[in-house]
C-alpha atoms as a PDB file:
ATOM      1  CA  MET A   1     128.104 180.445 127.509  1.00  0.00           C
ATOM      2  CA  GLU A   2     128.477 177.737 124.932  1.00  0.00           C
ATOM      3  CA  ILE A   3     125.394 176.156 123.357  1.00  0.00           C
ATOM      4  CA  PRO A   4     125.696 172.355 123.327  1.00  0.00           C
ATOM      5  CA  MET A   5     125.663 170.948 119.852  1.00  0.00           C
ATOM      6  CA  GLN A   6     122.816 168.550 119.058  1.00  0.00           C
ATOM      7  CA  LYS A   7     123.692 165.124 117.778  1.00  0.00           C
ATOM      8  CA  PRO A   8     122.573 164.418 114.241  1.00  0.00           C
ATOM      9  CA  PHE A   9     119.365 162.318 114.000  1.00  0.00           C
ATOM     10  CA  THR A  10     119.973 158.715 112.977  1.00  0.00           C
ATOM     11  CA  PRO A  11     117.051 156.521 111.931  1.00  0.00           C
ATOM     12  CA  ALA A  12     116.443 153.455 114.044  1.00  0.00           C
ATOM     13  CA  ALA A  13     117.360 150.117 112.587  1.00  0.00           C
ATOM     14  CA  PRO A  14     114.385 148.187 111.247  1.00  0.00           C
ATOM     15  CA  VAL A  15     113.073 145.507 113.563  1.00  0.00           C
ATOM     16  CA  HIS A  16     112.782 142.105 111.917  1.00  0.00           C
ATOM     17  CA  THR A  17     109.909 139.957 113.100  1.00  0.00           C
ATOM     18  CA  ASN A  18     110.099 136.170 113.190  1.00  0.00           C
ATOM     19  CA  LYS A  19     106.684 135.618 111.715  1.00  0.00           C
ATOM     20  CA  GLU A  20     106.670 132.660 109.382  1.00  0.00           C
ATOM     21  CA  ASP A  21     105.508 133.010 105.850  1.00  0.00           C
ATOM     22  CA  PRO A  22     101.901 131.669 105.725  1.00  0.00           C
ATOM     23  CA  ALA A  23     102.505 130.111 102.305  1.00  0.00           C
ATOM     24  CA  ALA A  24     105.630 128.308 103.518  1.00  0.00           C
ATOM     25  CA  GLN A  25     103.812 127.100 106.622  1.00  0.00           C
ATOM     26  CA  THR A  26     100.952 125.784 104.488  1.00  0.00           C
ATOM     27  CA  ASN A  27     103.365 123.939 102.191  1.00  0.00           C
ATOM     28  CA  LEU A  28     105.136 122.435 105.190  1.00  0.00           C
ATOM     29  CA  GLY A  29     101.807 121.287 106.629  1.00  0.00           C
ATOM     30  CA  PHE A  30     100.824 119.691 103.313  1.00  0.00           C
ATOM     31  CA  ILE A  31     104.156 117.874 102.998  1.00  0.00           C
ATOM     32  CA  HIS A  32     104.028 116.629 106.588  1.00  0.00           C
ATOM     33  CA  ALA A  33     100.460 115.355 106.108  1.00  0.00           C
ATOM     34  CA  PHE A  34     101.369 113.739 102.767  1.00  0.00           C
ATOM     35  CA  VAL A  35     104.367 111.881 104.212  1.00  0.00           C
ATOM     36  CA  ALA A  36     102.410 110.782 107.283  1.00  0.00           C
ATOM     37  CA  ALA A  37      99.460 109.530 105.221  1.00  0.00           C
ATOM     38  CA  ILE A  38     101.473 107.634 102.616  1.00  0.00           C
ATOM     39  CA  SER A  39     103.624 106.025 105.338  1.00  0.00           C
ATOM     40  CA  VAL A  40     100.792 104.717 107.505  1.00  0.00           C
ATOM     41  CA  ILE A  41      98.706 103.590 104.513  1.00  0.00           C
ATOM     42  CA  ILE A  42     101.552 101.525 103.061  1.00  0.00           C
ATOM     43  CA  VAL A  43     102.331  99.760 106.343  1.00  0.00           C
ATOM     44  CA  SER A  44      98.605  99.214 106.965  1.00  0.00           C
ATOM     45  CA  GLU A  45      97.645  97.963 103.512  1.00  0.00           C
ATOM     46  CA  LEU A  46     100.547  95.663 102.564  1.00  0.00           C
ATOM     47  CA  GLY A  47      99.312  92.162 103.341  1.00  0.00           C
ATOM     48  CA  ASP A  48      95.856  93.458 104.258  1.00  0.00           C
ATOM     49  CA  LYS A  49      92.586  91.924 103.047  1.00  0.00           C
ATOM     50  CA  THR A  50      92.114  94.538 100.320  1.00  0.00           C
ATOM     51  CA  PHE A  51      95.643  93.797  99.091  1.00  0.00           C
ATOM     52  CA  PHE A  52      94.862  90.090  98.700  1.00  0.00           C
ATOM     53  CA  ILE A  53      91.509  90.829  97.044  1.00  0.00           C
ATOM     54  CA  ALA A  54      93.245  92.869  94.335  1.00  0.00           C
ATOM     55  CA  ALA A  55      96.023  90.282  93.938  1.00  0.00           C
ATOM     56  CA  ILE A  56      93.713  87.277  93.525  1.00  0.00           C
ATOM     57  CA  MET A  57      91.174  89.034  91.292  1.00  0.00           C
ATOM     58  CA  ALA A  58      94.006  90.270  89.049  1.00  0.00           C
ATOM     59  CA  MET A  59      95.058  86.645  88.494  1.00  0.00           C
ATOM     60  CA  ARG A  60      91.558  85.663  87.353  1.00  0.00           C
ATOM     61  CA  TYR A  61      90.289  88.694  85.484  1.00  0.00           C
ATOM     62  CA  ASN A  62      91.480  91.676  83.477  1.00  0.00           C
ATOM     63  CA  ARG A  63      94.054  93.537  85.572  1.00  0.00           C
ATOM     64  CA  LEU A  64      93.075  97.006  84.400  1.00  0.00           C
ATOM     65  CA  THR A  65      89.407  96.377  85.277  1.00  0.00           C
ATOM     66  CA  VAL A  66      90.310  95.094  88.742  1.00  0.00           C
ATOM     67  CA  LEU A  67      92.673  98.017  89.349  1.00  0.00           C
ATOM     68  CA  ALA A  68      90.055 100.570  88.260  1.00  0.00           C
ATOM     69  CA  GLY A  69      87.358  99.098  90.508  1.00  0.00           C
ATOM     70  CA  ALA A  70      89.636  98.776  93.542  1.00  0.00           C
ATOM     71  CA  MET A  71      91.109 102.254  93.132  1.00  0.00           C
ATOM     72  CA  LEU A  72      87.672 103.863  92.796  1.00  0.00           C
ATOM     73  CA  ALA A  73      86.586 102.189  96.030  1.00  0.00           C
ATOM     74  CA  LEU A  74      89.771 103.207  97.861  1.00  0.00           C
ATOM     75  CA  GLY A  75      89.576 106.766  96.513  1.00  0.00           C
ATOM     76  CA  LEU A  76      85.977 107.125  97.703  1.00  0.00           C
ATOM     77  CA  MET A  77      86.872 105.657 101.085  1.00  0.00           C
ATOM     78  CA  THR A  78      89.835 108.023 101.467  1.00  0.00           C
ATOM     79  CA  CYS A  79      87.723 111.088 100.654  1.00  0.00           C
ATOM     80  CA  LEU A  80      84.979 110.004 103.067  1.00  0.00           C
ATOM     81  CA  SER A  81      87.509 109.367 105.821  1.00  0.00           C
ATOM     82  CA  VAL A  82      89.131 112.771 105.303  1.00  0.00           C
ATOM     83  CA  LEU A  83      85.714 114.434 105.503  1.00  0.00           C
ATOM     84  CA  PHE A  84      84.948 112.575 108.739  1.00  0.00           C
ATOM     85  CA  GLY A  85      88.259 113.645 110.220  1.00  0.00           C
ATOM     86  CA  TYR A  86      87.984 117.242 109.011  1.00  0.00           C
ATOM     87  CA  ALA A  87      84.538 117.508 110.618  1.00  0.00           C
ATOM     88  CA  THR A  88      86.221 117.174 114.014  1.00  0.00           C
ATOM     89  CA  THR A  89      88.147 120.418 113.465  1.00  0.00           C
ATOM     90  CA  VAL A  90      85.232 122.271 115.067  1.00  0.00           C
ATOM     91  CA  ILE A  91      86.759 120.991 118.316  1.00  0.00           C
ATOM     92  CA  PRO A  92      89.766 123.006 119.549  1.00  0.00           C
ATOM     93  CA  ARG A  93      92.893 121.714 117.852  1.00  0.00           C
ATOM     94  CA  VAL A  94      94.805 121.121 121.064  1.00  0.00           C
ATOM     95  CA  TYR A  95      92.267 118.426 122.056  1.00  0.00           C
ATOM     96  CA  THR A  96      92.092 116.654 118.705  1.00  0.00           C
ATOM     97  CA  TYR A  97      95.888 116.778 118.420  1.00  0.00           C
ATOM     98  CA  TYR A  98      96.582 114.974 121.664  1.00  0.00           C
ATOM     99  CA  VAL A  99      93.630 112.576 121.314  1.00  0.00           C
ATOM    100  CA  SER A 100      94.912 111.579 117.873  1.00  0.00           C
ATOM    101  CA  THR A 101      98.396 111.168 119.340  1.00  0.00           C
ATOM    102  CA  VAL A 102      97.040 108.764 121.966  1.00  0.00           C
ATOM    103  CA  LEU A 103      95.184 106.835 119.235  1.00  0.00           C
ATOM    104  CA  PHE A 104      98.401 106.554 117.206  1.00  0.00           C
ATOM    105  CA  ALA A 105     100.172 105.171 120.257  1.00  0.00           C
ATOM    106  CA  ILE A 106      97.369 102.648 120.814  1.00  0.00           C
ATOM    107  CA  PHE A 107      97.438 101.592 117.145  1.00  0.00           C
ATOM    108  CA  GLY A 108     101.210 101.212 117.306  1.00  0.00           C
ATOM    109  CA  ILE A 109     101.187  99.112 120.466  1.00  0.00           C
ATOM    110  CA  ARG A 110      98.401  96.891 119.121  1.00  0.00           C
ATOM    111  CA  MET A 111     100.223  96.355 115.814  1.00  0.00           C
ATOM    112  CA  LEU A 112     103.425  95.449 117.623  1.00  0.00           C
ATOM    113  CA  ARG A 113     101.590  92.962 119.830  1.00  0.00           C
ATOM    114  CA  GLU A 114      99.775  91.455 116.847  1.00  0.00           C
ATOM    115  CA  GLY A 115     102.981  91.228 114.837  1.00  0.00           C
ATOM    116  CA  LEU A 116     104.941  89.545 117.612  1.00  0.00           C
ATOM    117  CA  LYS A 117     102.151  86.999 118.162  1.00  0.00           C
ATOM    118  CA  MET A 118     101.686  86.231 114.454  1.00  0.00           C
ATOM    119  CA  SER A 119     102.829  82.959 112.978  1.00  0.00           C
ATOM    120  CA  PRO A 120     105.174  83.090 109.964  1.00  0.00           C
ATOM    121  CA  ASP A 121     102.384  81.781 107.675  1.00  0.00           C
ATOM    122  CA  GLU A 122      99.839  84.363 108.788  1.00  0.00           C
ATOM    123  CA  GLY A 123      99.727  85.890 105.319  1.00  0.00           C
ATOM    124  CA  GLN A 124      99.004  82.509 103.746  1.00  0.00           C
ATOM    125  CA  GLU A 125      95.978  82.065 106.017  1.00  0.00           C
ATOM    126  CA  GLU A 126      94.647  85.502 105.025  1.00  0.00           C
ATOM    127  CA  LEU A 127      95.253  84.657 101.362  1.00  0.00           C
ATOM    128  CA  GLU A 128      93.285  81.396 101.640  1.00  0.00           C
ATOM    129  CA  GLU A 129      90.434  83.195 103.403  1.00  0.00           C
ATOM    130  CA  VAL A 130      90.150  85.748 100.593  1.00  0.00           C
ATOM    131  CA  GLN A 131      90.334  82.986  97.971  1.00  0.00           C
ATOM    132  CA  ALA A 132      87.422  81.178  99.627  1.00  0.00           C
ATOM    133  CA  GLU A 133      85.400  84.392  99.761  1.00  0.00           C
ATOM    134  CA  LEU A 134      86.037  85.166  96.096  1.00  0.00           C
ATOM    135  CA  LYS A 135      85.166  81.590  95.110  1.00  0.00           C
ATOM    136  CA  LYS A 136      81.844  81.967  96.907  1.00  0.00           C
ATOM    137  CA  LYS A 137      81.175  85.251  95.096  1.00  0.00           C
ATOM    138  CA  ASP A 138      81.989  83.622  91.740  1.00  0.00           C
ATOM    139  CA  GLU A 139      79.544  80.786  92.430  1.00  0.00           C
ATOM    140  CA  GLU A 140      76.808  83.283  93.302  1.00  0.00           C
ATOM    141  CA  PHE A 141      77.554  85.245  90.132  1.00  0.00           C
ATOM    142  CA  GLN A 142      77.369  82.113  87.944  1.00  0.00           C
ATOM    143  CA  ARG A 143      74.117  81.078  89.652  1.00  0.00           C
ATOM    144  CA  THR A 144      72.641  84.512  88.955  1.00  0.00           C
ATOM    145  CA  LYS A 145      73.647  84.283  85.287  1.00  0.00           C
ATOM    146  CA  LEU A 146      71.916  80.909  84.984  1.00  0.00           C
ATOM    147  CA  LEU A 147      68.755  82.210  86.630  1.00  0.00           C
ATOM    148  CA  ASN A 148      68.676  85.277  84.368  1.00  0.00           C
ATOM    149  CA  GLY A 149      69.564  83.356  81.233  1.00  0.00           C
ATOM    150  CA  PRO A 150      67.468  83.021  78.058  1.00  0.00           C
ATOM    151  CA  GLY A 151      63.988  81.567  78.461  1.00  0.00           C
ATOM    152  CA  ASP A 152      62.103  79.094  76.334  1.00  0.00           C
ATOM    153  CA  VAL A 153      62.864  79.819  72.701  1.00  0.00           C
ATOM    154  CA  GLU A 154      59.853  77.853  71.425  1.00  0.00           C
ATOM    155  CA  THR A 155      57.377  79.926  73.410  1.00  0.00           C
ATOM    156  CA  GLY A 156      59.228  83.102  72.589  1.00  0.00           C
ATOM    157  CA  THR A 157      59.701  84.049  76.238  1.00  0.00           C
ATOM    158  CA  SER A 158      62.967  85.389  77.550  1.00  0.00           C
ATOM    159  CA  THR A 159      64.187  86.943  80.774  1.00  0.00           C
ATOM    160  CA  ILE A 160      66.844  89.028  79.048  1.00  0.00           C
ATOM    161  CA  VAL A 161      66.150  92.728  79.496  1.00  0.00           C
ATOM    162  CA  PRO A 162      67.595  95.110  76.860  1.00  0.00           C
ATOM    163  CA  GLN A 163      70.421  97.023  78.464  1.00  0.00           C
ATOM    164  CA  LYS A 164      71.142 100.677  78.006  1.00  0.00           C
ATOM    165  CA  LYS A 165      74.260 101.631  76.102  1.00  0.00           C
ATOM    166  CA  TRP A 166      76.107 102.944  79.154  1.00  0.00           C
ATOM    167  CA  LEU A 167      75.634  99.602  80.941  1.00  0.00           C
ATOM    168  CA  HIS A 168      77.877  97.921  78.375  1.00  0.00           C
ATOM    169  CA  PHE A 169      80.820  99.883  79.789  1.00  0.00           C
ATOM    170  CA  ILE A 170      80.243  98.612  83.349  1.00  0.00           C
ATOM    171  CA  SER A 171      81.847  95.215  83.775  1.00  0.00           C
ATOM    172  CA  PRO A 172      80.583  92.841  86.490  1.00  0.00           C
ATOM    173  CA  ILE A 173      84.229  92.349  87.457  1.00  0.00           C
ATOM    174  CA  PHE A 174      84.598  96.102  87.930  1.00  0.00           C
ATOM    175  CA  VAL A 175      81.527  96.158  90.192  1.00  0.00           C
ATOM    176  CA  GLN A 176      82.787  93.141  92.129  1.00  0.00           C
ATOM    177  CA  ALA A 177      86.227  94.683  92.693  1.00  0.00           C
ATOM    178  CA  LEU A 178      84.587  97.963  93.721  1.00  0.00           C
ATOM    179  CA  THR A 179      82.136  96.471  96.216  1.00  0.00           C
ATOM    180  CA  LEU A 180      84.501  93.899  97.737  1.00  0.00           C
ATOM    181  CA  THR A 181      87.245  96.475  98.257  1.00  0.00           C
ATOM    182  CA  PHE A 182      84.892  99.106  99.689  1.00  0.00           C
ATOM    183  CA  LEU A 183      83.291  96.684 102.159  1.00  0.00           C
ATOM    184  CA  ALA A 184      86.659  95.234 103.198  1.00  0.00           C
ATOM    185  CA  GLU A 185      88.051  98.730 103.781  1.00  0.00           C
ATOM    186  CA  TRP A 186      85.077 100.014 105.804  1.00  0.00           C
ATOM    187  CA  GLY A 187      86.048 100.092 109.474  1.00  0.00           C
ATOM    188  CA  ASP A 188      89.569  98.893 108.670  1.00  0.00           C
ATOM    189  CA  ARG A 189      92.653 100.222 110.429  1.00  0.00           C
ATOM    190  CA  SER A 190      93.651 102.304 107.407  1.00  0.00           C
ATOM    191  CA  GLN A 191      90.248 104.045 107.375  1.00  0.00           C
ATOM    192  CA  LEU A 192      90.471 104.868 111.081  1.00  0.00           C
ATOM    193  CA  THR A 193      94.035 106.066 110.588  1.00  0.00           C
ATOM    194  CA  THR A 194      92.975 108.384 107.750  1.00  0.00           C
ATOM    195  CA  ILE A 195      90.229 109.865 109.920  1.00  0.00           C
ATOM    196  CA  VAL A 196      92.674 110.472 112.780  1.00  0.00           C
ATOM    197  CA  LEU A 197      95.243 112.032 110.443  1.00  0.00           C
ATOM    198  CA  ALA A 198      92.679 114.347 108.845  1.00  0.00           C
ATOM    199  CA  ALA A 199      91.735 115.584 112.311  1.00  0.00           C
ATOM    200  CA  ARG A 200      95.280 116.798 113.043  1.00  0.00           C
ATOM    201  CA  GLU A 201      96.987 117.356 109.682  1.00  0.00           C
ATOM    202  CA  ASP A 202      96.350 119.219 106.454  1.00  0.00           C
ATOM    203  CA  PRO A 203      93.305 117.451 104.910  1.00  0.00           C
ATOM    204  CA  TYR A 204      94.504 117.926 101.330  1.00  0.00           C
ATOM    205  CA  GLY A 205      97.870 116.386 102.164  1.00  0.00           C
ATOM    206  CA  VAL A 206      96.154 113.459 103.876  1.00  0.00           C
ATOM    207  CA  ALA A 207      93.819 112.915 100.914  1.00  0.00           C
ATOM    208  CA  VAL A 208      96.626 112.992  98.339  1.00  0.00           C
ATOM    209  CA  GLY A 209      99.035 110.941 100.454  1.00  0.00           C
ATOM    210  CA  GLY A 210      96.379 108.350 101.282  1.00  0.00           C
ATOM    211  CA  THR A 211      95.351 108.004  97.642  1.00  0.00           C
ATOM    212  CA  VAL A 212      98.970 107.637  96.483  1.00  0.00           C
ATOM    213  CA  GLY A 213      99.633 105.067  99.209  1.00  0.00           C
ATOM    214  CA  HIS A 214      96.589 103.023  98.197  1.00  0.00           C
ATOM    215  CA  SER A 215      97.607 103.298  94.536  1.00  0.00           C
ATOM    216  CA  LEU A 216     101.084 101.948  95.240  1.00  0.00           C
ATOM    217  CA  CYS A 217      99.824  99.014  97.308  1.00  0.00           C
ATOM    218  CA  THR A 218      96.977  98.101  94.966  1.00  0.00           C
ATOM    219  CA  GLY A 219      99.165  98.512  91.886  1.00  0.00           C
ATOM    220  CA  LEU A 220     101.777  96.218  93.429  1.00  0.00           C
ATOM    221  CA  ALA A 221      99.083  93.643  94.208  1.00  0.00           C
ATOM    222  CA  VAL A 222      97.610  93.776  90.695  1.00  0.00           C
ATOM    223  CA  ILE A 223     100.975  93.594  88.917  1.00  0.00           C
ATOM    224  CA  GLY A 224     102.629  91.049  91.208  1.00  0.00           C
ATOM    225  CA  GLY A 225      99.562  88.953  91.871  1.00  0.00           C
ATOM    226  CA  ARG A 226      99.980  85.758  93.831  1.00  0.00           C
ATOM    227  CA  MET A 227     103.789  85.835  93.724  1.00  0.00           C
ATOM    228  CA  ILE A 228     103.943  89.156  95.611  1.00  0.00           C
ATOM    229  CA  ALA A 229     101.147  88.086  97.960  1.00  0.00           C
ATOM    230  CA  GLN A 230     103.042  84.951  98.957  1.00  0.00           C
ATOM    231  CA  LYS A 231     106.414  86.695  99.324  1.00  0.00           C
ATOM    232  CA  ILE A 232     105.187  89.452 101.647  1.00  0.00           C
ATOM    233  CA  SER A 233     105.694  88.710 105.330  1.00  0.00           C
ATOM    234  CA  VAL A 234     102.580  90.044 107.047  1.00  0.00           C
ATOM    235  CA  ARG A 235     104.325  89.631 110.403  1.00  0.00           C
ATOM    236  CA  THR A 236     107.266  91.847 109.396  1.00  0.00           C
ATOM    237  CA  VAL A 237     105.025  94.491 107.811  1.00  0.00           C
ATOM    238  CA  THR A 238     102.828  94.595 110.926  1.00  0.00           C
ATOM    239  CA  ILE A 239     105.823  95.077 113.237  1.00  0.00           C
ATOM    240  CA  ILE A 240     107.210  97.840 111.019  1.00  0.00           C
ATOM    241  CA  GLY A 241     103.757  99.429 110.954  1.00  0.00           C
ATOM    242  CA  GLY A 242     103.626  99.443 114.734  1.00  0.00           C
ATOM    243  CA  ILE A 243     106.982 101.200 114.871  1.00  0.00           C
ATOM    244  CA  VAL A 244     105.802 103.824 112.348  1.00  0.00           C
ATOM    245  CA  PHE A 245     102.645 104.542 114.344  1.00  0.00           C
ATOM    246  CA  LEU A 246     104.634 104.879 117.575  1.00  0.00           C
ATOM    247  CA  ALA A 247     107.095 107.202 115.821  1.00  0.00           C
ATOM    248  CA  PHE A 248     104.278 109.568 114.827  1.00  0.00           C
ATOM    249  CA  ALA A 249     102.909 109.450 118.366  1.00  0.00           C
ATOM    250  CA  PHE A 250     106.387 110.161 119.786  1.00  0.00           C
ATOM    251  CA  SER A 251     106.849 113.107 117.403  1.00  0.00           C
ATOM    252  CA  ALA A 252     103.998 114.909 119.202  1.00  0.00           C
ATOM    253  CA  LEU A 253     106.411 115.530 122.079  1.00  0.00           C
ATOM    254  CA  PHE A 254     108.470 117.808 119.844  1.00  0.00           C
ATOM    255  CA  ILE A 255     105.786 119.395 117.642  1.00  0.00           C
ATOM    256  CA  SER A 256     103.411 121.995 118.999  1.00  0.00           C
ATOM    257  CA  PRO A 257      99.689 121.574 118.276  1.00  0.00           C
ATOM    258  CA  ASP A 258      99.653 125.137 116.881  1.00  0.00           C
ATOM    259  CA  SER A 259     102.177 124.249 114.173  1.00  0.00           C
ATOM    260  CA  GLY A 260      99.628 122.473 112.026  1.00  0.00           C
ATOM    261  CA  PHE A 261      97.743 123.737 108.982  1.00  0.00           C
END
C-alpha cells in the first residue's frame, strides 16, 4: 500500500486592502476645500460692496493703510464664519452635506436670476452708492475733528486729550476701512457661503482659501482703484458666480458625503 505524498506547504498570498491613506485623504480634503473657498469668494466679492469700498478708499488715502484695515476685517470675518460652520459638525455629516448642497443650488439660481436681470451699468450704480456713503463718513469725521479741536487759547482750556503712544500707530483711515468692510461683509453672500462650506469641507482649507480669495480681490481693488472698479462687469461676474455655485451643487451627485475631511 502506497502512502500518498503530501503537497509542500505554500504560504498564502498577502491580501491587499483598499483602505486609503488617512494623510492623503486629509490632504485631498484640504485641497478640495481650498479650491472651493477661493472660487466662490472670488466670484462673490468681485464687484461687491466691499470691493468698491477698498477701491474708492485707496484712491483717497494711503493704499497700504486701507489694505491692512480691509484685510483685517475680512480675515476676522472669515475666521468667524468658519467657526460658525464648523459648529454645525455636531449634526451628522450626511444632513449638513445635502443641506449645504441645496443652499449652493439656491445661491446659484439666485445669482443667475440676478445677473440676467441686471443692467449693464449695475456696477456703476453700486460704485456711486459706495462713494456717497464714504462721503458721508468723511463729513462726519471732519465734523468730529472740529468739535474735538483745540479750545480757547486765552483761557488755557483745551479739549485735546493726551494720547497714549500706541494710539499713534492706529490711523483713523485704518479704523474706517476696518469698520466699513466688516459691517458691509456681515450677512453678505460670501459670509453665508463660507459658513456653508465650513459645514461640509475641511475647515482649515476653507479658512485659507477664503482668506486668499479675499486678499486677491481686495488687493486688486486697492491697486487698480477706480479704473478696475469701472472695468469690471458686475453682471458677467454674477452670472459666472451662479454657474460656479451650481457646479458645486451638481458635484454632490458624484461625491459621497463620507469622502470629506
